[in-house]
Amino acid sequence: MLRKEVRPLFSEMLQKSLVLAEDEAKSMGHHYVGTEHLLLALTRIPQGIAKELLIDCGLSHDVVLAKVREILERVTLYHVGDK
């Protein structure tokens, strides 16, 4: 039997998170959306519990962004050194 109402595949909050993650990836010049972009997106959702938890741990968007850039730079330098 078919349901009369169809639930969306993703919640509104998840959809917003994915859009923000894509924005983060684009702003960093990346052609993919990775976990680092999702983490950054979670720091931008105003009513998100994840944002509250991250802020409580001292992890604002700026702090997370700086750390992500630092790690990506090290990974890039490591891989460039392999060649």
C-alpha atoms as a PDB file:
ATOM      1  CA  MET A   1       0.000   0.000   0.000  1.00  0.00           C
ATOM      2  CA  LEU A   2       1.320   3.448  -0.905  1.00  0.00           C
ATOM      3  CA  ARG A   3       1.744   6.074   1.734  1.00  0.00           C
ATOM      4  CA  LYS A   4      -0.283   9.216   1.275  1.00  0.00           C
ATOM      5  CA  GLU A   5       2.567  11.442   2.409  1.00  0.00           C
ATOM      6  CA  VAL A   6       6.123  11.105   1.267  1.00  0.00           C
ATOM      7  CA  ARG A   7       8.868  12.047   3.698  1.00  0.00           C
ATOM      8  CA  PRO A   8      11.820  13.940   2.287  1.00  0.00           C
ATOM      9  CA  LEU A   9      14.967  11.895   1.833  1.00  0.00           C
ATOM     10  CA  PHE A  10      16.979  14.303   3.994  1.00  0.00           C
ATOM     11  CA  SER A  11      15.890  16.520   6.844  1.00  0.00           C
ATOM     12  CA  GLU A  12      15.925  20.272   6.321  1.00  0.00           C
ATOM     13  CA  MET A  13      18.920  20.583   8.664  1.00  0.00           C
ATOM     14  CA  LEU A  14      20.870  17.948   6.736  1.00  0.00           C
ATOM     15  CA  GLN A  15      20.050  19.611   3.433  1.00  0.00           C
ATOM     16  CA  LYS A  16      21.284  22.928   4.828  1.00  0.00           C
ATOM     17  CA  SER A  17      24.464  21.236   6.091  1.00  0.00           C
ATOM     18  CA  LEU A  18      25.183  19.773   2.664  1.00  0.00           C
ATOM     19  CA  VAL A  19      24.636  23.102   0.909  1.00  0.00           C
ATOM     20  CA  LEU A  20      26.916  24.851   3.391  1.00  0.00           C
ATOM     21  CA  ALA A  21      29.533  22.097   2.997  1.00  0.00           C
ATOM     22  CA  GLU A  22      29.461  22.603  -0.758  1.00  0.00           C
ATOM     23  CA  ASP A  23      29.896  26.361  -0.209  1.00  0.00           C
ATOM     24  CA  GLU A  24      32.889  25.680   2.036  1.00  0.00           C
ATOM     25  CA  ALA A  25      34.453  23.397  -0.578  1.00  0.00           C
ATOM     26  CA  LYS A  26      33.978  25.974  -3.326  1.00  0.00           C
ATOM     27  CA  SER A  27      35.398  28.775  -1.180  1.00  0.00           C
ATOM     28  CA  MET A  28      38.524  26.662  -0.654  1.00  0.00           C
ATOM     29  CA  GLY A  29      38.813  25.931  -4.369  1.00  0.00           C
ATOM     30  CA  HIS A  30      38.041  22.246  -3.924  1.00  0.00           C
ATOM     31  CA  HIS A  31      36.145  20.177  -6.471  1.00  0.00           C
ATOM     32  CA  TYR A  32      34.855  17.723  -3.869  1.00  0.00           C
ATOM     33  CA  VAL A  33      32.967  17.856  -0.577  1.00  0.00           C
ATOM     34  CA  GLY A  34      34.846  16.089   2.175  1.00  0.00           C
ATOM     35  CA  THR A  35      34.520  15.635   5.896  1.00  0.00           C
ATOM     36  CA  GLU A  36      36.486  18.826   6.476  1.00  0.00           C
ATOM     37  CA  HIS A  37      33.835  20.784   4.577  1.00  0.00           C
ATOM     38  CA  LEU A  38      31.037  19.091   6.510  1.00  0.00           C
ATOM     39  CA  LEU A  39      32.724  19.968   9.799  1.00  0.00           C
ATOM     40  CA  LEU A  40      33.060  23.586   8.698  1.00  0.00           C
ATOM     41  CA  ALA A  41      29.412  23.615   7.633  1.00  0.00           C
ATOM     42  CA  LEU A  42      28.338  22.407  11.073  1.00  0.00           C
ATOM     43  CA  THR A  43      30.001  25.463  12.607  1.00  0.00           C
ATOM     44  CA  ARG A  44      27.764  27.711  10.480  1.00  0.00           C
ATOM     45  CA  ILE A  45      24.303  26.338  11.301  1.00  0.00           C
ATOM     46  CA  PRO A  46      22.821  28.863  13.747  1.00  0.00           C
ATOM     47  CA  GLN A  47      20.536  26.543  15.715  1.00  0.00           C
ATOM     48  CA  GLY A  48      22.627  23.409  15.322  1.00  0.00           C
ATOM     49  CA  ILE A  49      23.545  21.390  18.362  1.00  0.00           C
ATOM     50  CA  ALA A  50      26.821  20.457  16.668  1.00  0.00           C
ATOM     51  CA  LYS A  51      27.748  24.146  16.485  1.00  0.00           C
ATOM     52  CA  GLU A  52      26.984  24.557  20.180  1.00  0.00           C
ATOM     53  CA  LEU A  53      29.147  21.555  21.068  1.00  0.00           C
ATOM     54  CA  LEU A  54      32.009  22.755  18.875  1.00  0.00           C
ATOM     55  CA  ILE A  55      31.837  26.279  20.341  1.00  0.00           C
ATOM     56  CA  ASP A  56      31.847  24.782  23.862  1.00  0.00           C
ATOM     57  CA  CYS A  57      35.110  23.056  22.880  1.00  0.00           C
ATOM     58  CA  GLY A  58      36.561  26.345  21.613  1.00  0.00           C
ATOM     59  CA  LEU A  59      36.106  25.405  17.960  1.00  0.00           C
ATOM     60  CA  SER A  60      34.577  28.360  16.149  1.00  0.00           C
ATOM     61  CA  HIS A  61      34.357  28.443  12.361  1.00  0.00           C
ATOM     62  CA  ASP A  62      37.571  30.481  12.174  1.00  0.00           C
ATOM     63  CA  VAL A  63      39.476  28.082  14.430  1.00  0.00           C
ATOM     64  CA  VAL A  64      38.300  25.017  12.495  1.00  0.00           C
ATOM     65  CA  LEU A  65      39.036  26.679   9.148  1.00  0.00           C
ATOM     66  CA  ALA A  66      42.578  27.559  10.221  1.00  0.00           C
ATOM     67  CA  LYS A  67      43.223  24.001  11.405  1.00  0.00           C
ATOM     68  CA  VAL A  68      41.756  22.473   8.232  1.00  0.00           C
ATOM     69  CA  ARG A  69      43.963  24.710   6.084  1.00  0.00           C
ATOM     70  CA  GLU A  70      47.011  23.797   8.178  1.00  0.00           C
ATOM     71  CA  ILE A  71      46.344  20.071   7.829  1.00  0.00           C
ATOM     72  CA  LEU A  72      45.609  20.289   4.110  1.00  0.00           C
ATOM     73  CA  GLU A  73      48.817  22.242   3.587  1.00  0.00           C
ATOM     74  CA  ARG A  74      50.836  19.567   5.406  1.00  0.00           C
ATOM     75  CA  VAL A  75      49.163  16.782   3.409  1.00  0.00           C
ATOM     76  CA  THR A  76      49.834  18.628   0.156  1.00  0.00           C
ATOM     77  CA  LEU A  77      53.488  19.214   1.056  1.00  0.00           C
ATOM     78  CA  TYR A  78      53.845  15.550   2.034  1.00  0.00           C
ATOM     79  CA  HIS A  79      52.441  14.329  -1.276  1.00  0.00           C
ATOM     80  CA  VAL A  80      54.497  16.825  -3.281  1.00  0.00           C
ATOM     81  CA  GLY A  81      57.587  15.534  -1.469  1.00  0.00           C
ATOM     82  CA  ASP A  82      56.770  11.981  -2.638  1.00  0.00           C
ATOM     83  CA  LYS A  83      57.337  12.902  -6.266  1.00  0.00           C
END
